[in-house]
């Protein structure tokens, strides 16, 4: 064994020296780079002395804004015009509705007034007829003895009166038709005209004229063949023929047709004598 075998070596390994040198080189390079950058920085910085101008767009923008304003104004004008038209239409519709309602109200009021006037006229006519019948009924009661004496004259009627009565009685049961003149349907004046026409006496066609065709006679002094009338002389609304015995023959109405009835059934207003 060598005499130096147990003496440790004081030399560092070569590998560690290389690593240390490498680290030192890297650090030095970094520091150099920083130093160069620091030295170069101030030298390259220069103050800003120019102002950068942007492109001018004022003219185009103004035109666009003006066009937009005009369009907005046009839309606003259209809206205002439409609103005015709508308001006018609504006002006209309200006025038309009000006018229609007023017209309907006036028409209804007129209709009611006409109905009231008609009802009043009918009531007055009924009252007049009732008063006339009451008066005639009293007159009939006071002349009952006269009627009794004339009851026998029905069978004793002679000449033209008997023929007139016979004609009228032969139509009993025929229908009543307004404007009827026979041979199977009659109205009141049509029957009277035909009955007197059978003996050659030409009477007027309507009851108003027949009520003044002869001599006015009292209901207390009736004779067979006298013409009875209801209503005023010259304005009568119904006529018949007195047949004696307190009875008459007449075309009364569409419900009864031609009938023979007592004077008490419908007391007449007056009488005329043409025979």
Foldseek 3Di string as FASTA:
>chain_A
DDPCPPPDDPDDDPVVVVVVVVVVVVVVVVVVVVVVCVVVVVVPDDDDDDDDDDDDCVVVVVVVVVVVVVVVVVVVVVVVVVVVVVVVVVVVVVVVVVVVVVVVVVVVVVVVVVVVVVVVVVVVVVVVLVVLLVVLVVVCVVLVVLQVVFQVCLVVDDDLLVQLVVQLVVQFPAAEDVVDQDDRYYAFQSSNQVSNVVNPDHADRAQLRNLVVAAWDAPSNDHRQKKFFADDRNPTPGIWTDSGSQKTWGQDDRVRGIDIDGCNVRPTNTIGDDD
